[in-house]
Amino acid sequence: MDYPKKTCSVERLVTVPADVEKVLEGKKTSTRRNGVYAYPGEIMELDGKGFKVDSLYQQTLGEVTEEHAHQEGFENLDAYKQSILDMHEGMKWIPTMKVWVHEFSPVKN
C-alpha cells in the first residue's frame, strides 16, 4: 500500500504517560493520530520495550467503535471521546474527520 509521507516520527506515537503505561500493561494496542507517525514494521520503544507497528489505515471518527475504544485502552467509547476532547482544547468530535490508526504489538524476543 502507498502511504503518505509521515507527519511525525515513531518516537512521538505514544507519549502521554498514562498511555505509555497502558501500552506497557498490554491494555492499549492502537492509537489514532491525525497524521502518519509510523509505517507498518517500524518499532516504537517504550521504557526499553519494543512494540512493532502491525498495521496503518485511515478511518473516520464516526467509524470508531466500542471495540476500538478498548484497543485504545479505554473502558468505553464515551471515555475515549472525552479523553481526546480534553487533550485537544476546542476540538469537536466530528464523525467525518479522518484519522490514521496505528495498531501495534509487543516485539517477541
C-alpha atoms as a PDB file:
ATOM      1  CA  MET A   1       0.000   0.000   0.000  1.00  0.00           C
ATOM      2  CA  ASP A   2       1.134   3.540  -0.710  1.00  0.00           C
ATOM      3  CA  TYR A   3       1.129   5.595   2.459  1.00  0.00           C
ATOM      4  CA  PRO A   4       1.511   9.358   2.612  1.00  0.00           C
ATOM      5  CA  LYS A   5       4.688  10.964   3.918  1.00  0.00           C
ATOM      6  CA  LYS A   6       5.000  10.797   7.702  1.00  0.00           C
ATOM      7  CA  THR A   7       3.929  13.899   9.601  1.00  0.00           C
ATOM      8  CA  CYS A   8       5.845  12.903  12.724  1.00  0.00           C
ATOM      9  CA  SER A   9       8.149  10.118  13.927  1.00  0.00           C
ATOM     10  CA  VAL A  10       7.518   6.785  15.616  1.00  0.00           C
ATOM     11  CA  GLU A  11       9.068   8.188  18.820  1.00  0.00           C
ATOM     12  CA  ARG A  12       6.091  10.566  19.100  1.00  0.00           C
ATOM     13  CA  LEU A  13       3.420   7.899  18.511  1.00  0.00           C
ATOM     14  CA  VAL A  14       2.615   7.323  22.196  1.00  0.00           C
ATOM     15  CA  THR A  15       3.937   9.963  24.598  1.00  0.00           C
ATOM     16  CA  VAL A  16       1.247  10.659  27.228  1.00  0.00           C
ATOM     17  CA  PRO A  17       2.497   8.919  30.411  1.00  0.00           C
ATOM     18  CA  ALA A  18      -0.886   7.277  31.140  1.00  0.00           C
ATOM     19  CA  ASP A  19      -0.988   5.919  27.578  1.00  0.00           C
ATOM     20  CA  VAL A  20       2.605   4.665  27.780  1.00  0.00           C
ATOM     21  CA  GLU A  21       1.620   2.768  30.936  1.00  0.00           C
ATOM     22  CA  LYS A  22      -1.410   1.255  29.152  1.00  0.00           C
ATOM     23  CA  VAL A  23       0.795   0.060  26.287  1.00  0.00           C
ATOM     24  CA  LEU A  24       3.326  -1.467  28.688  1.00  0.00           C
ATOM     25  CA  GLU A  25       0.482  -3.244  30.544  1.00  0.00           C
ATOM     26  CA  GLY A  26      -0.966  -4.582  27.279  1.00  0.00           C
ATOM     27  CA  LYS A  27      -4.175  -2.547  27.647  1.00  0.00           C
ATOM     28  CA  LYS A  28      -3.526  -0.267  24.651  1.00  0.00           C
ATOM     29  CA  THR A  29      -2.795  -1.804  21.251  1.00  0.00           C
ATOM     30  CA  SER A  30      -3.666   1.071  18.920  1.00  0.00           C
ATOM     31  CA  THR A  31      -3.539   4.824  18.690  1.00  0.00           C
ATOM     32  CA  ARG A  32      -5.244   7.276  16.380  1.00  0.00           C
ATOM     33  CA  ARG A  33      -3.471  10.355  15.061  1.00  0.00           C
ATOM     34  CA  ASN A  34      -4.407  12.986  12.515  1.00  0.00           C
ATOM     35  CA  GLY A  35      -1.217  12.174  10.635  1.00  0.00           C
ATOM     36  CA  VAL A  36       1.061   9.239   9.907  1.00  0.00           C
ATOM     37  CA  TYR A  37       3.615   8.715  12.697  1.00  0.00           C
ATOM     38  CA  ALA A  38       4.887   5.245  11.753  1.00  0.00           C
ATOM     39  CA  TYR A  39       4.692   2.729   8.942  1.00  0.00           C
ATOM     40  CA  PRO A  40       3.995  -0.983   9.413  1.00  0.00           C
ATOM     41  CA  GLY A  41       7.142  -2.752  10.549  1.00  0.00           C
ATOM     42  CA  GLU A  42       8.572   0.206  12.453  1.00  0.00           C
ATOM     43  CA  ILE A  43       9.433  -0.323  16.104  1.00  0.00           C
ATOM     44  CA  MET A  44       8.272   2.028  18.860  1.00  0.00           C
ATOM     45  CA  GLU A  45      10.355   1.783  22.015  1.00  0.00           C
ATOM     46  CA  LEU A  46       8.753   2.497  25.390  1.00  0.00           C
ATOM     47  CA  ASP A  47      10.650   2.056  28.642  1.00  0.00           C
ATOM     48  CA  GLY A  48      13.151  -0.249  26.914  1.00  0.00           C
ATOM     49  CA  LYS A  49      10.465  -2.489  25.384  1.00  0.00           C
ATOM     50  CA  GLY A  50       9.774  -2.703  21.654  1.00  0.00           C
ATOM     51  CA  PHE A  51       6.347  -2.536  20.009  1.00  0.00           C
ATOM     52  CA  LYS A  52       6.007  -3.224  16.292  1.00  0.00           C
ATOM     53  CA  VAL A  53       3.526  -1.275  14.194  1.00  0.00           C
ATOM     54  CA  ASP A  54       1.431  -4.049  12.643  1.00  0.00           C
ATOM     55  CA  SER A  55      -0.980  -2.016  10.555  1.00  0.00           C
ATOM     56  CA  LEU A  56      -1.803   1.506   9.469  1.00  0.00           C
ATOM     57  CA  TYR A  57      -5.109   2.593   7.990  1.00  0.00           C
ATOM     58  CA  GLN A  58      -7.481   5.536   7.857  1.00  0.00           C
ATOM     59  CA  GLN A  59     -10.891   5.719   9.459  1.00  0.00           C
ATOM     60  CA  THR A  60     -13.352   8.455  10.373  1.00  0.00           C
ATOM     61  CA  LEU A  61     -14.174   9.297  13.970  1.00  0.00           C
ATOM     62  CA  GLY A  62     -17.721   8.152  13.193  1.00  0.00           C
ATOM     63  CA  GLU A  63     -16.363   4.660  12.467  1.00  0.00           C
ATOM     64  CA  VAL A  64     -14.717   4.326  15.900  1.00  0.00           C
ATOM     65  CA  THR A  65     -16.498   1.567  17.856  1.00  0.00           C
ATOM     66  CA  GLU A  66     -16.555   0.384  21.468  1.00  0.00           C
ATOM     67  CA  GLU A  67     -14.007  -2.281  20.449  1.00  0.00           C
ATOM     68  CA  HIS A  68     -11.699   0.395  19.040  1.00  0.00           C
ATOM     69  CA  ALA A  69     -12.024   2.334  22.313  1.00  0.00           C
ATOM     70  CA  HIS A  70     -10.948  -0.817  24.191  1.00  0.00           C
ATOM     71  CA  GLN A  71      -7.925  -1.152  21.866  1.00  0.00           C
ATOM     72  CA  GLU A  72      -7.101   2.456  22.770  1.00  0.00           C
ATOM     73  CA  GLY A  73      -7.100   1.407  26.435  1.00  0.00           C
ATOM     74  CA  PHE A  74     -10.438   2.888  27.468  1.00  0.00           C
ATOM     75  CA  GLU A  75     -13.427   1.340  29.221  1.00  0.00           C
ATOM     76  CA  ASN A  76     -15.852   2.563  26.569  1.00  0.00           C
ATOM     77  CA  LEU A  77     -16.277   4.863  23.583  1.00  0.00           C
ATOM     78  CA  ASP A  78     -17.554   7.786  25.681  1.00  0.00           C
ATOM     79  CA  ALA A  79     -14.438   7.680  27.892  1.00  0.00           C
ATOM     80  CA  TYR A  80     -12.221   7.617  24.793  1.00  0.00           C
ATOM     81  CA  LYS A  81     -14.073  10.539  23.187  1.00  0.00           C
ATOM     82  CA  GLN A  82     -13.847  12.578  26.388  1.00  0.00           C
ATOM     83  CA  SER A  83     -10.101  11.963  26.722  1.00  0.00           C
ATOM     84  CA  ILE A  84      -9.499  13.140  23.145  1.00  0.00           C
ATOM     85  CA  LEU A  85     -11.603  16.264  23.608  1.00  0.00           C
ATOM     86  CA  ASP A  86      -9.887  17.037  26.931  1.00  0.00           C
ATOM     87  CA  MET A  87      -6.459  16.644  25.308  1.00  0.00           C
ATOM     88  CA  HIS A  88      -7.229  18.936  22.353  1.00  0.00           C
ATOM     89  CA  GLU A  89      -8.767  22.147  23.644  1.00  0.00           C
ATOM     90  CA  GLY A  90     -11.546  23.473  21.423  1.00  0.00           C
ATOM     91  CA  MET A  91     -11.731  20.276  19.356  1.00  0.00           C
ATOM     92  CA  LYS A  92     -15.126  18.915  18.432  1.00  0.00           C
ATOM     93  CA  TRP A  93     -15.842  15.223  17.749  1.00  0.00           C
ATOM     94  CA  ILE A  94     -16.688  15.392  14.057  1.00  0.00           C
ATOM     95  CA  PRO A  95     -17.834  11.984  12.743  1.00  0.00           C
ATOM     96  CA  THR A  96     -16.472  12.700   9.241  1.00  0.00           C
ATOM     97  CA  MET A  97     -12.968  13.703  10.475  1.00  0.00           C
ATOM     98  CA  LYS A  98     -10.370  11.220   9.213  1.00  0.00           C
ATOM     99  CA  VAL A  99      -7.620   9.853  11.432  1.00  0.00           C
ATOM    100  CA  TRP A 100      -4.789   7.384  10.942  1.00  0.00           C
ATOM    101  CA  VAL A 101      -4.992   4.225  13.026  1.00  0.00           C
ATOM    102  CA  HIS A 102      -1.672   2.726  14.117  1.00  0.00           C
ATOM    103  CA  GLU A 103      -2.041  -0.798  15.530  1.00  0.00           C
ATOM    104  CA  PHE A 104       0.921  -2.325  17.356  1.00  0.00           C
ATOM    105  CA  SER A 105       2.007  -5.351  19.364  1.00  0.00           C
ATOM    106  CA  PRO A 106       4.936  -6.237  21.636  1.00  0.00           C
ATOM    107  CA  VAL A 107       8.104  -7.368  19.884  1.00  0.00           C
ATOM    108  CA  LYS A 108       8.778 -11.008  20.715  1.00  0.00           C
ATOM    109  CA  ASN A 109      12.322 -11.649  21.883  1.00  0.00           C
END
